[in-house]
Protein backbone atom coordinates (compact mmCIF):
# COMPACT_ATOMS: atom_id res chain seq x y z
CA MET A 1 -65.39 -58.27 -99.19
CA MET A 2 -61.63 -59.76 -98.94
CA ASN A 3 -60.72 -60.29 -95.15
CA ARG A 4 -57.51 -61.82 -93.91
CA ARG A 5 -57.93 -65.38 -94.70
CA THR A 6 -59.64 -65.09 -98.20
CA LEU A 7 -55.98 -62.99 -98.92
CA LEU A 8 -54.04 -65.98 -97.31
CA ARG A 9 -56.36 -68.59 -99.80
CA ALA A 10 -55.78 -66.24 -102.95
CA SER A 11 -52.31 -65.81 -102.45
CA GLY A 12 -51.69 -69.43 -102.84
CA ILE A 13 -50.05 -69.98 -99.36
CA SER A 14 -51.14 -71.16 -95.92
CA LEU A 15 -49.42 -68.97 -93.79
CA ALA A 16 -50.32 -65.52 -92.26
CA LEU A 17 -49.87 -62.20 -93.47
CA PRO A 18 -48.61 -59.32 -91.28
CA TRP A 19 -51.45 -57.99 -88.94
CA MET A 20 -53.32 -55.28 -90.44
CA GLU A 21 -55.42 -52.51 -88.64
CA THR A 22 -58.18 -52.57 -91.08
CA PHE A 23 -59.06 -56.05 -90.25
CA ALA A 24 -59.02 -55.81 -86.47
CA ALA A 25 -61.13 -52.76 -87.05
CA LYS A 26 -63.53 -54.91 -89.02
CA GLY A 27 -63.71 -57.75 -86.21
CA GLU A 28 -61.96 -60.04 -88.07
CA GLU A 29 -58.76 -60.05 -85.35
CA ALA A 30 -57.04 -59.12 -82.52
CA PRO A 31 -53.37 -58.12 -82.76
CA PRO A 32 -51.00 -60.82 -82.44
CA LYS A 33 -49.60 -61.56 -79.00
CA ARG A 34 -45.39 -61.16 -78.73
CA PHE A 35 -42.59 -61.70 -76.16
CA ALA A 36 -39.40 -60.37 -75.91
CA THR A 37 -36.59 -61.20 -73.30
CA LEU A 38 -33.82 -59.03 -72.72
CA TYR A 39 -31.41 -60.54 -70.14
CA PHE A 40 -27.95 -58.79 -68.53
CA PRO A 41 -25.19 -61.14 -66.78
CA TYR A 42 -23.86 -60.24 -63.11
CA GLY A 43 -26.60 -59.31 -61.26
CA VAL A 44 -27.28 -55.65 -59.84
CA SER A 45 -25.97 -53.30 -56.95
CA LEU A 46 -26.87 -54.54 -53.81
CA PRO A 47 -25.33 -52.53 -51.11
CA ASP A 48 -25.54 -52.56 -47.44
CA PRO A 49 -29.04 -51.17 -46.81
CA LYS A 50 -28.15 -49.28 -43.75
CA GLY A 51 -24.48 -47.90 -45.47
CA LYS A 52 -24.10 -44.82 -47.52
CA GLU A 53 -24.92 -46.26 -51.21
CA ALA A 54 -27.84 -47.74 -49.84
CA GLU A 55 -30.06 -45.49 -52.57
CA TRP A 56 -28.36 -47.48 -55.03
CA ASN A 57 -30.20 -50.55 -54.33
CA TRP A 58 -31.54 -51.92 -57.49
CA PHE A 59 -34.43 -53.52 -55.53
CA PRO A 60 -36.88 -50.79 -54.36
CA ASP A 61 -37.48 -50.88 -50.50
CA GLN A 62 -41.10 -51.75 -49.66
CA PRO A 63 -43.39 -54.31 -51.94
CA GLY A 64 -46.92 -53.06 -53.04
CA ARG A 65 -48.47 -50.32 -55.29
CA ASP A 66 -46.69 -47.70 -52.82
CA PHE A 67 -43.04 -48.72 -53.80
CA GLN A 68 -40.39 -46.20 -54.42
CA PHE A 69 -37.41 -47.07 -57.19
CA ASN A 70 -33.81 -46.43 -55.72
CA ARG A 71 -31.43 -44.79 -57.87
CA SER A 72 -30.92 -47.76 -60.25
CA LEU A 73 -33.95 -47.43 -61.76
CA LYS A 74 -35.56 -44.43 -60.84
CA GLN A 75 -35.76 -42.79 -64.22
CA LEU A 76 -38.75 -45.68 -64.50
CA GLU A 77 -41.23 -43.51 -62.99
CA PRO A 78 -42.64 -42.05 -65.86
CA ILE A 79 -43.63 -46.26 -66.89
CA ARG A 80 -43.84 -47.40 -63.64
CA ASP A 81 -47.60 -48.08 -64.78
CA GLN A 82 -46.82 -49.94 -67.47
CA LEU A 83 -44.56 -52.32 -65.49
CA THR A 84 -44.18 -54.81 -62.72
CA VAL A 85 -41.02 -55.35 -60.64
CA LEU A 86 -40.42 -58.61 -59.34
CA GLY A 87 -38.32 -60.15 -56.17
CA GLY A 88 -37.11 -63.15 -54.41
CA LEU A 89 -37.85 -65.46 -57.59
CA SER A 90 -34.85 -67.72 -59.11
CA HIS A 91 -34.53 -71.14 -60.32
CA PRO A 92 -34.39 -74.14 -57.93
CA GLN A 93 -32.36 -76.16 -59.50
CA VAL A 94 -29.82 -73.52 -60.93
CA ARG A 95 -29.14 -72.16 -57.12
CA GLY A 96 -26.25 -74.73 -56.60
CA ILE A 97 -24.43 -74.55 -59.96
CA GLY A 98 -21.63 -72.18 -60.26
CA GLY A 99 -22.54 -68.48 -60.60
CA HIS A 100 -21.49 -67.77 -63.91
CA ASP A 101 -23.10 -70.97 -65.38
CA SER A 102 -26.62 -70.04 -64.96
CA GLY A 103 -26.90 -67.62 -67.88
CA ASP A 104 -27.52 -70.69 -69.77
CA THR A 105 -30.40 -71.41 -68.03
CA PHE A 106 -32.12 -68.45 -67.45
CA LEU A 107 -35.13 -69.49 -69.87
CA THR A 108 -34.73 -73.17 -69.04
CA GLY A 109 -34.93 -73.85 -65.59
CA VAL A 110 -32.85 -76.79 -65.92
CA LYS A 111 -29.36 -77.50 -64.05
CA ILE A 112 -26.53 -78.07 -66.15
CA THR A 113 -23.68 -79.84 -64.97
CA PRO A 114 -20.41 -81.76 -66.01
CA GLU A 115 -22.36 -85.20 -64.94
CA ASN A 116 -25.06 -84.89 -67.23
CA GLY A 117 -23.00 -83.31 -70.47
CA PHE A 118 -24.44 -79.59 -69.44
CA GLN A 119 -27.15 -80.93 -71.54
CA ASN A 120 -30.23 -78.10 -71.68
CA GLY A 121 -33.43 -78.04 -71.74
CA PRO A 122 -35.72 -76.38 -73.96
CA SER A 123 -36.00 -72.56 -73.72
CA LEU A 124 -39.13 -70.50 -72.63
CA ASP A 125 -39.36 -68.47 -76.06
CA GLN A 126 -38.91 -71.92 -78.06
CA VAL A 127 -41.40 -73.91 -76.38
CA ALA A 128 -43.48 -71.20 -76.89
CA ALA A 129 -42.81 -70.52 -80.60
CA LYS A 130 -42.21 -73.87 -81.57
CA GLN A 131 -44.18 -77.05 -79.37
CA TYR A 132 -46.93 -74.64 -79.18
CA GLY A 133 -47.15 -73.26 -82.58
CA LEU A 134 -47.23 -69.16 -81.79
CA GLY A 135 -44.45 -68.58 -84.44
CA GLU A 136 -45.62 -70.78 -86.86
CA ASP A 137 -47.56 -67.96 -88.74
CA THR A 138 -44.42 -65.73 -89.27
CA ARG A 139 -41.75 -65.68 -91.39
CA PHE A 140 -38.56 -66.36 -88.29
CA SER A 141 -40.39 -68.31 -85.54
CA SER A 142 -37.98 -66.16 -83.38
CA ILE A 143 -34.81 -64.41 -83.59
CA VAL A 144 -31.76 -64.53 -81.29
CA LEU A 145 -29.71 -61.52 -80.84
CA SER A 146 -26.75 -60.73 -78.45
CA SER A 147 -23.96 -58.86 -77.96
CA ASP A 148 -21.67 -61.96 -78.46
CA GLY A 149 -22.53 -63.95 -81.35
CA GLY A 150 -22.98 -67.56 -81.98
CA VAL A 151 -23.74 -69.69 -78.81
CA GLY A 152 -20.38 -69.40 -76.87
CA MET A 153 -19.78 -72.15 -74.84
CA PRO A 154 -21.71 -74.32 -71.87
CA THR A 155 -21.73 -72.53 -68.99
CA ARG A 156 -20.54 -69.34 -70.78
CA SER A 157 -23.55 -69.18 -73.42
CA ASN A 158 -23.78 -66.35 -75.55
CA THR A 159 -27.53 -67.22 -76.55
CA LEU A 160 -30.51 -67.44 -74.44
CA SER A 161 -32.56 -69.84 -77.04
CA TYR A 162 -32.17 -73.45 -76.86
CA THR A 163 -34.33 -76.15 -78.92
CA LEU A 164 -37.13 -78.48 -77.94
CA GLU A 165 -34.13 -80.74 -77.46
CA GLY A 166 -32.09 -77.98 -75.55
CA GLN A 167 -29.35 -77.50 -78.33
CA PRO A 168 -28.28 -74.11 -78.00
CA ILE A 169 -29.49 -71.66 -81.17
CA PRO A 170 -26.85 -69.10 -82.24
CA SER A 171 -27.27 -65.55 -82.03
CA LEU A 172 -26.90 -62.58 -84.20
CA ASN A 173 -24.77 -59.93 -82.74
CA ARG A 174 -24.31 -57.18 -86.13
CA PRO A 175 -27.66 -54.87 -86.73
CA ALA A 176 -27.02 -54.83 -90.38
CA THR A 177 -26.82 -58.71 -90.45
CA VAL A 178 -29.69 -58.65 -88.13
CA PHE A 179 -31.58 -55.92 -90.90
CA GLU A 180 -30.32 -58.11 -94.39
CA ARG A 181 -32.14 -61.45 -92.69
CA LEU A 182 -35.27 -59.70 -91.84
CA PHE A 183 -35.90 -57.45 -94.33
CA ASP A 184 -33.13 -57.60 -97.26
CA MET A 185 -31.95 -61.00 -97.31
CA SER A 186 -30.48 -61.53 -100.44
CA HIS A 187 -29.91 -59.36 -103.76
CA ASP A 188 -30.42 -62.92 -105.83
CA SER A 189 -33.05 -63.39 -108.13
CA ILE A 190 -36.34 -65.23 -106.12
CA GLU A 191 -35.36 -68.27 -109.10
CA ALA A 192 -31.61 -68.36 -107.84
CA GLN A 193 -32.81 -68.21 -104.05
CA ARG A 194 -35.34 -71.30 -104.62
CA LYS A 195 -32.37 -73.13 -107.03
CA GLY A 196 -30.35 -72.17 -103.73
CA LEU A 197 -32.97 -73.88 -101.45
CA THR A 198 -33.53 -76.70 -103.51
CA ARG A 199 -29.68 -77.40 -103.77
CA THR A 200 -29.35 -77.41 -99.75
CA GLY A 201 -32.67 -79.50 -99.20
CA SER A 202 -31.31 -82.47 -101.67
CA HIS A 203 -27.85 -82.36 -99.65
CA LEU A 204 -30.08 -82.79 -96.40
CA ASP A 205 -31.61 -85.40 -97.84
CA PHE A 206 -28.90 -87.52 -99.04
CA LEU A 207 -26.97 -86.82 -95.89
CA LEU A 208 -30.11 -88.10 -93.61
CA GLU A 209 -29.99 -91.32 -95.91
CA GLU A 210 -26.92 -91.87 -95.07
CA ALA A 211 -27.23 -91.56 -91.30
CA ASN A 212 -29.83 -93.50 -91.66
CA SER A 213 -28.02 -96.52 -92.69
CA LEU A 214 -24.92 -95.89 -90.76
CA HIS A 215 -27.19 -95.39 -87.28
CA ARG A 216 -27.95 -99.70 -87.47
CA LYS A 217 -24.14 -100.32 -87.95
CA LEU A 218 -23.63 -98.36 -84.51
CA GLY A 219 -23.52 -99.40 -80.99
CA LYS A 220 -25.61 -97.70 -78.40
CA THR A 221 -23.78 -94.73 -77.20
CA ASP A 222 -22.63 -93.99 -81.13
CA GLN A 223 -25.94 -93.95 -81.77
CA GLU A 224 -27.08 -91.55 -79.12
CA LYS A 225 -24.20 -89.20 -80.28
CA LEU A 226 -25.42 -89.81 -84.06
CA ASP A 227 -28.91 -88.92 -83.16
CA GLU A 228 -27.88 -85.57 -81.29
CA TYR A 229 -26.62 -84.37 -84.38
CA LEU A 230 -28.98 -85.39 -86.67
CA THR A 231 -31.65 -83.47 -84.20
CA SER A 232 -29.79 -80.39 -85.40
CA VAL A 233 -29.54 -81.31 -89.34
CA ARG A 234 -33.21 -81.63 -88.96
CA GLN A 235 -33.70 -78.51 -87.32
CA VAL A 236 -31.73 -76.98 -90.46
CA GLU A 237 -33.82 -79.16 -92.86
CA GLN A 238 -36.66 -77.38 -90.72
CA ASP A 239 -34.81 -73.76 -91.80
CA VAL A 240 -34.99 -74.38 -95.54
CA GLU A 241 -38.48 -75.79 -95.76
CA ARG A 242 -39.65 -72.38 -93.48
CA ALA A 243 -37.32 -70.41 -96.28
CA ALA A 244 -39.04 -71.81 -99.20
CA LYS A 245 -42.55 -71.24 -98.10
CA TRP A 246 -42.07 -67.99 -97.54
CA LEU A 247 -39.88 -67.12 -100.49
CA ASP A 248 -42.75 -65.50 -102.92
CA VAL A 249 -43.80 -63.55 -100.24
CA PRO A 250 -42.50 -60.04 -100.48
CA ARG A 251 -40.29 -58.55 -97.47
CA PRO A 252 -41.22 -55.99 -95.34
CA LYS A 253 -39.98 -52.18 -96.60
CA VAL A 254 -38.91 -50.56 -93.72
CA ASN A 255 -36.92 -47.20 -93.17
CA ALA A 256 -33.30 -47.58 -92.19
CA ASP A 257 -32.82 -43.68 -92.22
CA ASN A 258 -32.72 -43.69 -88.19
CA LEU A 259 -31.14 -46.79 -87.80
CA THR A 260 -27.11 -47.37 -86.93
CA LEU A 261 -26.47 -50.00 -88.56
CA ASP A 262 -22.56 -49.76 -88.46
CA ALA A 263 -22.32 -49.89 -84.78
CA ASP A 264 -20.44 -52.10 -83.48
CA ASP A 265 -18.93 -53.31 -79.53
CA ASN A 266 -16.82 -49.90 -79.28
CA THR A 267 -20.30 -48.09 -79.56
CA PRO A 268 -22.31 -50.05 -76.78
CA GLU A 269 -25.29 -47.84 -76.35
CA ALA A 270 -25.60 -47.27 -80.47
CA LEU A 271 -25.03 -50.67 -81.03
CA MET A 272 -27.76 -51.86 -78.28
CA LYS A 273 -30.42 -49.17 -78.93
CA THR A 274 -30.52 -50.70 -83.00
CA MET A 275 -30.68 -53.99 -81.84
CA LEU A 276 -33.61 -53.24 -79.96
CA ASP A 277 -35.17 -51.06 -83.19
CA LEU A 278 -34.83 -53.96 -84.71
CA ILE A 279 -36.95 -56.06 -82.54
CA VAL A 280 -39.67 -53.71 -83.02
CA LEU A 281 -39.30 -53.39 -86.09
CA ALA A 282 -39.75 -57.28 -86.24
CA PHE A 283 -42.66 -57.21 -84.05
CA GLN A 284 -44.11 -54.26 -85.48
CA THR A 285 -44.05 -55.86 -89.41
CA ASP A 286 -44.72 -59.24 -87.81
CA SER A 287 -41.61 -60.78 -88.97
CA THR A 288 -41.54 -62.72 -85.70
CA ARG A 289 -43.64 -62.52 -82.78
CA PHE A 290 -40.46 -63.88 -80.16
CA ALA A 291 -37.27 -62.16 -79.45
CA THR A 292 -34.44 -62.80 -77.15
CA TYR A 293 -31.63 -60.09 -76.67
CA GLN A 294 -28.61 -61.01 -74.39
CA PHE A 295 -26.54 -57.68 -73.69
CA GLY A 296 -23.82 -59.49 -72.34
CA SER A 297 -22.83 -62.95 -71.67
CA MET A 298 -20.97 -64.54 -67.91
CA HIS A 299 -17.56 -65.50 -70.15
CA GLY A 300 -15.73 -62.72 -67.72
CA ALA A 301 -12.91 -61.05 -69.98
CA VAL A 302 -13.78 -62.78 -73.16
CA SER A 303 -17.26 -61.71 -73.46
CA ILE A 304 -17.11 -58.18 -75.83
CA SER A 305 -19.81 -56.37 -73.58
CA THR A 306 -17.46 -56.45 -70.45
CA LYS A 307 -15.62 -53.48 -71.76
CA PHE A 308 -18.99 -51.55 -72.33
CA SER A 309 -18.82 -50.17 -68.71
CA THR A 310 -15.54 -48.69 -69.21
CA LEU A 311 -16.82 -47.22 -72.59
CA ILE A 312 -19.54 -45.40 -71.05
CA GLY A 313 -17.29 -43.91 -68.63
CA LEU A 314 -17.37 -46.29 -65.77
CA LYS A 315 -14.24 -47.32 -63.48
CA SER A 316 -14.18 -51.15 -63.93
CA ASN A 317 -15.41 -53.48 -66.94
CA THR A 318 -18.67 -55.17 -66.22
CA HIS A 319 -17.59 -58.70 -64.48
CA GLY A 320 -15.25 -55.70 -62.35
CA LEU A 321 -18.03 -53.70 -61.18
CA ALA A 322 -20.17 -56.85 -59.89
CA HIS A 323 -17.33 -57.96 -58.13
CA GLY A 324 -16.31 -54.72 -56.49
CA MET A 325 -19.69 -53.41 -55.19
CA ARG A 326 -19.64 -54.05 -51.77
CA LYS A 327 -15.86 -52.08 -51.54
CA PRO A 328 -16.12 -48.37 -50.83
CA GLY A 329 -17.70 -46.84 -53.90
CA GLY A 330 -18.36 -50.18 -55.99
CA GLY A 331 -22.28 -49.94 -55.02
CA GLU A 332 -22.43 -46.49 -57.01
CA GLN A 333 -20.32 -47.66 -59.63
CA CYS A 334 -22.24 -50.91 -60.38
CA GLY A 335 -25.91 -48.90 -59.77
CA ARG A 336 -24.49 -46.38 -62.36
CA TRP A 337 -24.30 -49.83 -64.70
CA ASP A 338 -27.48 -50.61 -63.90
CA GLU A 339 -28.84 -47.51 -64.59
CA PHE A 340 -27.41 -47.57 -67.86
CA GLN A 341 -29.04 -51.11 -68.81
CA ALA A 342 -32.90 -49.25 -67.08
CA SER A 343 -32.24 -46.46 -70.05
CA LEU A 344 -32.12 -49.40 -72.67
CA PHE A 345 -35.02 -51.24 -71.12
CA LYS A 346 -36.93 -47.90 -70.88
CA TYR A 347 -35.75 -47.01 -74.19
CA PHE A 348 -37.37 -50.43 -75.64
CA VAL A 349 -40.65 -50.00 -74.01
CA GLY A 350 -41.31 -46.45 -74.95
CA LYS A 351 -40.53 -47.44 -78.59
CA LEU A 352 -43.07 -50.41 -78.58
CA ALA A 353 -45.67 -48.05 -76.33
CA SER A 354 -45.36 -45.41 -79.52
CA VAL A 355 -46.43 -48.10 -82.12
CA LYS A 356 -50.54 -47.46 -82.68
CA GLU A 357 -52.05 -50.61 -83.14
CA GLY A 358 -55.18 -51.42 -83.20
CA ASN A 359 -57.43 -49.75 -80.28
CA GLY A 360 -53.65 -49.92 -78.10
CA THR A 361 -50.05 -50.11 -78.59
CA LEU A 362 -47.46 -52.51 -79.54
CA LEU A 363 -46.10 -52.55 -76.09
CA ASP A 364 -49.81 -53.16 -74.84
CA ASN A 365 -49.52 -56.85 -77.09
CA THR A 366 -45.82 -57.41 -76.21
CA LEU A 367 -44.78 -58.75 -73.26
CA VAL A 368 -41.38 -57.43 -72.03
CA TYR A 369 -38.72 -59.71 -69.77
CA TYR A 370 -36.06 -57.93 -68.53
CA GLY A 371 -33.83 -59.32 -65.72
CA SER A 372 -30.27 -61.67 -64.36
CA SER A 373 -29.87 -64.83 -63.07
CA ASN A 374 -28.12 -63.39 -60.87
CA SER A 375 -29.00 -61.00 -57.63
CA LYS A 376 -25.15 -59.73 -56.98
CA THR A 377 -22.52 -61.85 -59.04
CA HIS A 378 -22.22 -65.38 -59.03
CA SER A 379 -25.67 -66.14 -56.48
CA ASN A 380 -28.18 -67.70 -58.33
CA ILE A 381 -30.62 -66.79 -56.13
CA ASN A 382 -33.67 -63.52 -55.80
CA TYR A 383 -33.24 -62.56 -59.49
CA PRO A 384 -33.82 -58.93 -60.52
CA LEU A 385 -36.61 -58.96 -62.63
CA ILE A 386 -39.04 -56.77 -64.29
CA LEU A 387 -42.25 -57.56 -66.72
CA ALA A 388 -43.46 -54.31 -68.63
CA GLY A 389 -46.31 -54.19 -71.14
CA GLY A 390 -48.68 -57.19 -72.21
CA LYS A 391 -52.01 -55.30 -71.26
CA SER A 392 -53.86 -57.14 -73.30
CA MET A 393 -52.51 -60.38 -71.84
CA GLY A 394 -54.27 -59.04 -68.49
CA TYR A 395 -51.60 -58.11 -67.29
CA GLN A 396 -51.80 -55.76 -64.23
CA HIS A 397 -48.99 -53.29 -63.50
CA GLY A 398 -47.55 -50.64 -61.19
CA GLN A 399 -46.31 -52.68 -58.16
CA TYR A 400 -43.27 -54.43 -56.65
CA LEU A 401 -44.48 -58.06 -55.68
CA GLN A 402 -42.18 -59.90 -53.34
CA TYR A 403 -42.10 -63.77 -53.57
CA GLU A 404 -40.88 -66.74 -50.78
CA LYS A 405 -37.88 -68.35 -51.81
CA ASP A 406 -39.92 -71.71 -52.51
CA VAL A 407 -41.51 -69.81 -55.21
CA PRO A 408 -39.95 -71.69 -58.07
CA LEU A 409 -39.39 -69.13 -61.32
CA SER A 410 -41.04 -71.47 -63.78
CA ASN A 411 -44.35 -70.64 -62.30
CA LEU A 412 -44.30 -67.45 -63.77
CA TYR A 413 -43.21 -68.92 -67.03
CA LEU A 414 -46.25 -71.06 -67.34
CA THR A 415 -47.97 -68.09 -66.62
CA MET A 416 -46.55 -66.42 -69.00
CA LEU A 417 -47.17 -68.99 -71.68
CA ARG A 418 -50.88 -69.50 -70.94
CA ARG A 419 -51.47 -65.65 -71.29
CA LEU A 420 -49.39 -66.07 -74.53
CA GLY A 421 -51.85 -68.81 -76.03
CA ALA A 422 -50.32 -71.64 -75.09
CA ASN A 423 -52.29 -74.84 -74.00
CA ALA A 424 -49.61 -75.72 -71.54
CA ASN A 425 -50.14 -77.35 -68.26
CA ASN A 426 -46.36 -77.05 -67.07
CA PHE A 427 -42.87 -75.69 -67.24
CA ALA A 428 -39.65 -77.28 -66.32
CA ASP A 429 -39.89 -77.46 -62.57
CA SER A 430 -43.42 -75.17 -62.35
CA LYS A 431 -46.23 -76.07 -59.67
CA GLU A 432 -48.75 -73.49 -60.93
CA GLU A 433 -49.54 -70.33 -62.26
CA LEU A 434 -47.98 -67.25 -60.84
CA VAL A 435 -50.46 -64.43 -60.42
CA VAL A 436 -49.30 -61.36 -61.97
């Protein structure tokens, strides 16, 4: 009988095939574990708890299993048993930096300042995928998405993901581009693609050889600058090698009829739902097991996503909503934007739950992490956070957990790493695992 590993040997490559129920039914393997982060900027509606708009407070009123959603999250009631609301957590090192700066640090927990050259650290997804090798058995170790695309700039990042050296990983923001990358890379022949990768690899080899020769002639400061540059070059080199290994493995065939691949920043709901659909497809086909999606950056009016709230009928852009939250009517307006974003989260969870996998669903094998690095705009404490899914990883949902402010958010990240399968001792400033 041919099992999954003999298929791998027969194929002539040392990389895993997409997970298949047939093998699980025969006891060969359990479904793989996945991790998705969905981030939104500027915090949430937190009106005066005794005021007229208290019903729009993002956080439930009381912790525990008997918590009640307020209006911002009320639509999540049907899936309350599949999620946990978290309150009180933040990154201690980040609390004192600018509120707009904290998006860069959401998955890293590192304090970035002008004094340290805004040097960031590795993000949680990349630590899991690269440092602990949990993303090595798929065509893409991770996918990085955002509404803005690229990397932005330090303190106004357009990406959540940072390499193990703390360098930003460019994000993709056009559904058609993401689809092509995942499922329809090129119409060129395999041989043409192979020649292109070989040619790129040769150029990189030459570049690295020349750089190593130059390195010996430079002073210490310039050597450090060159080393930083070469780190990026080596990352490209690794990507080229990875692409070459997967070249002979056919890409999954998926039905794109229900995908709005031409959605753009003028149709925010269609755009964001399509990006979420693509993450589900990437997980379902085992094209990757790690994904980050930044709904919007902290770059104020410069961010493409700033206009999204007005496009769905609200009175101000997203940055303006956050700043106007304490003004009359502001709690409701901000809360309605929270409600819209929560609808996207619910949509994503529902899509994952609709895919059967093994003895459960894709949601059971995927941890979804949803939240912001502000409570209200410019305030880097008490992050609004929700975990969903991950039943196969031991998560017990249907609760609102409130933590003391001295508990670092990185404790949760250490828990995530271990439950994803990493033999991790710490992450950033973590002290111990967080029981969830």
